[in-house]
Protein backbone atom coordinates (compact mmCIF):
# COMPACT_ATOMS: atom_id res chain seq x y z
CA MET A 1 -1.93 11.09 -16.10
CA THR A 2 1.75 9.55 -17.92
CA ALA A 3 2.36 5.24 -16.44
CA PRO A 4 4.84 5.91 -13.24
CA ASP A 5 8.38 4.55 -14.25
CA VAL A 6 8.53 0.57 -13.48
CA SER A 7 12.03 0.33 -15.59
CA GLY A 8 13.18 -0.81 -12.89
CA GLY A 9 10.39 -3.94 -12.53
CA TYR A 10 7.41 -3.80 -10.78
CA GLU A 11 9.20 -4.97 -7.05
CA ALA A 12 11.03 -1.27 -7.57
CA MET A 13 7.55 0.32 -7.99
CA VAL A 14 6.34 -1.59 -4.52
CA ARG A 15 9.04 -0.83 -2.78
CA ALA A 16 8.86 3.08 -3.50
CA MET A 17 4.81 3.11 -3.37
CA CYS A 18 5.84 1.34 0.39
CA ALA A 19 8.41 4.23 0.98
CA ALA A 20 5.98 6.43 -0.55
CA ALA A 21 3.77 5.16 2.44
CA ASP A 22 5.65 5.35 5.02
CA ALA A 23 6.05 9.14 4.29
CA GLY A 24 2.56 9.91 4.84
CA ASP A 25 2.71 11.30 1.46
CA GLY A 26 -0.14 10.89 0.11
CA PRO A 27 -0.53 12.17 -3.70
CA ALA A 28 3.13 10.04 -4.47
CA PHE A 29 1.41 6.56 -3.37
CA ALA A 30 -1.12 7.50 -5.20
CA SER A 31 0.99 8.56 -8.63
CA TYR A 32 0.91 4.34 -8.78
CA PHE A 33 -2.83 4.39 -9.64
CA ALA A 34 -5.68 5.34 -12.35
CA GLU A 35 -7.69 7.36 -11.85
CA THR A 36 -10.49 5.19 -11.28
CA ALA A 37 -9.38 2.68 -8.79
CA ARG A 38 -10.11 0.87 -6.33
CA PHE A 39 -8.81 0.67 -2.67
CA ARG A 40 -9.44 -2.04 -0.50
CA PHE A 41 -8.39 -2.85 2.99
CA GLY A 42 -9.35 -5.81 5.12
CA ASN A 43 -12.92 -5.71 5.61
CA ASN A 44 -12.86 -1.49 5.23
CA GLU A 45 -15.40 -0.55 3.12
CA PRO A 46 -13.67 0.59 -1.03
CA ILE A 47 -11.80 3.80 -1.88
CA GLU A 48 -12.55 4.59 -5.04
CA GLY A 49 -10.21 6.85 -6.88
CA ARG A 50 -6.70 7.92 -6.97
CA ALA A 51 -7.98 11.28 -5.19
CA ALA A 52 -9.49 10.02 -3.02
CA ILE A 53 -6.65 7.20 -2.15
CA ALA A 54 -4.39 9.88 -1.55
CA LYS A 55 -6.04 11.83 0.87
CA SER A 56 -7.26 8.16 2.40
CA THR A 57 -3.26 7.20 3.11
CA GLU A 58 -2.45 11.18 4.88
CA ALA A 59 -5.23 10.61 6.83
CA THR A 60 -4.03 7.04 7.56
CA VAL A 61 -0.71 8.13 8.42
CA ASP A 62 -2.05 10.73 10.38
CA ALA A 63 -4.47 8.54 12.49
CA VAL A 64 -2.16 6.04 13.45
CA TRP A 65 1.49 5.73 14.68
CA PRO A 66 4.74 5.37 12.38
CA VAL A 67 4.42 2.21 10.30
CA ARG A 68 7.29 0.69 8.23
CA HIS A 69 6.80 -1.73 5.40
CA ARG A 70 9.26 -4.44 4.54
CA VAL A 71 9.05 -5.92 1.36
CA ASP A 72 9.62 -9.86 1.85
CA GLN A 73 8.55 -10.79 -1.23
CA VAL A 74 6.99 -9.55 -5.50
CA ALA A 75 5.21 -11.76 -7.17
CA GLN A 76 3.96 -11.34 -10.93
CA LEU A 77 1.06 -14.01 -12.28
CA ASP A 78 0.14 -11.77 -15.30
CA ARG A 79 -1.37 -8.82 -14.85
CA GLN A 80 -1.60 -9.63 -11.60
CA LEU A 81 1.70 -9.15 -8.50
CA PHE A 82 1.15 -10.67 -5.18
CA CYS A 83 3.00 -9.40 -2.62
CA ARG A 84 3.86 -10.33 1.32
CA PHE A 85 4.94 -7.75 3.58
CA THR A 86 5.59 -7.41 7.26
CA ILE A 87 4.62 -4.39 8.90
CA GLN A 88 6.29 -2.77 11.25
CA ALA A 89 5.43 -0.08 14.37
CA THR A 90 6.18 0.62 17.65
CA LYS A 91 3.54 1.09 20.06
CA PRO A 92 3.38 4.12 21.99
CA ASP A 93 4.12 1.68 24.96
CA GLY A 94 7.70 1.00 23.31
CA THR A 95 6.02 -2.86 21.76
CA GLU A 96 7.63 -3.37 18.81
CA LEU A 97 5.36 -5.30 15.89
CA ALA A 98 5.61 -6.80 13.22
CA MET A 99 2.21 -7.63 11.52
CA PRO A 100 2.10 -9.91 7.41
CA CYS A 101 0.41 -8.57 5.36
CA VAL A 102 -0.48 -9.77 2.34
CA THR A 103 -1.57 -7.43 -0.84
CA VAL A 104 -2.84 -8.25 -4.54
CA ILE A 105 -2.55 -5.83 -7.07
CA GLU A 106 -4.21 -5.50 -10.42
CA LEU A 107 -2.40 -3.31 -13.31
CA ALA A 108 -3.59 -2.36 -16.76
CA ASP A 109 -1.67 0.39 -18.82
CA GLY A 110 1.66 0.17 -16.10
CA LEU A 111 -0.82 2.02 -12.85
CA ILE A 112 -2.94 -0.21 -10.65
CA THR A 113 -6.30 -0.23 -11.05
CA ASP A 114 -7.72 -2.97 -8.49
CA TYR A 115 -5.54 -3.00 -4.85
CA ALA A 116 -6.45 -4.95 -1.82
CA VAL A 117 -4.82 -5.27 1.37
CA HIS A 118 -5.51 -8.67 3.79
CA MET A 119 -3.77 -7.64 6.74
CA ASP A 120 -5.30 -8.85 10.58
CA ILE A 121 -4.18 -5.05 11.49
CA SER A 122 -6.00 -5.82 15.75
CA PRO A 123 -2.23 -6.04 17.24
CA ALA A 124 -2.56 -2.56 16.73
CA LEU A 125 -5.28 -1.37 17.78
CA ARG A 126 -4.33 -3.09 21.41
């Protein structure tokens, strides 16, 4: 697989990834990952491999109410991206949520090799 086009910069890549995740498009989201990439959300066990990341993304979107990623900041330091988001959602009772989230992304040859999400998802579980 060839690396996705990042000619618009890594912030554009992160925005495109978020749009794919928000749409529940697991394969599009996972296309930014190396075949052997690792994805970890909070304290959950890591998910390994592009196919597993795609499947997990679709399963998550099917299991929770719709969310939207607002990209607040993307900073690059060598082979890492540090991304700050606000995850917006509306609970079934109409309550609006705006949850802070930070990801640390490691890159190699233009693909993600490690993706770690640091977020307290508990407000969405109440």
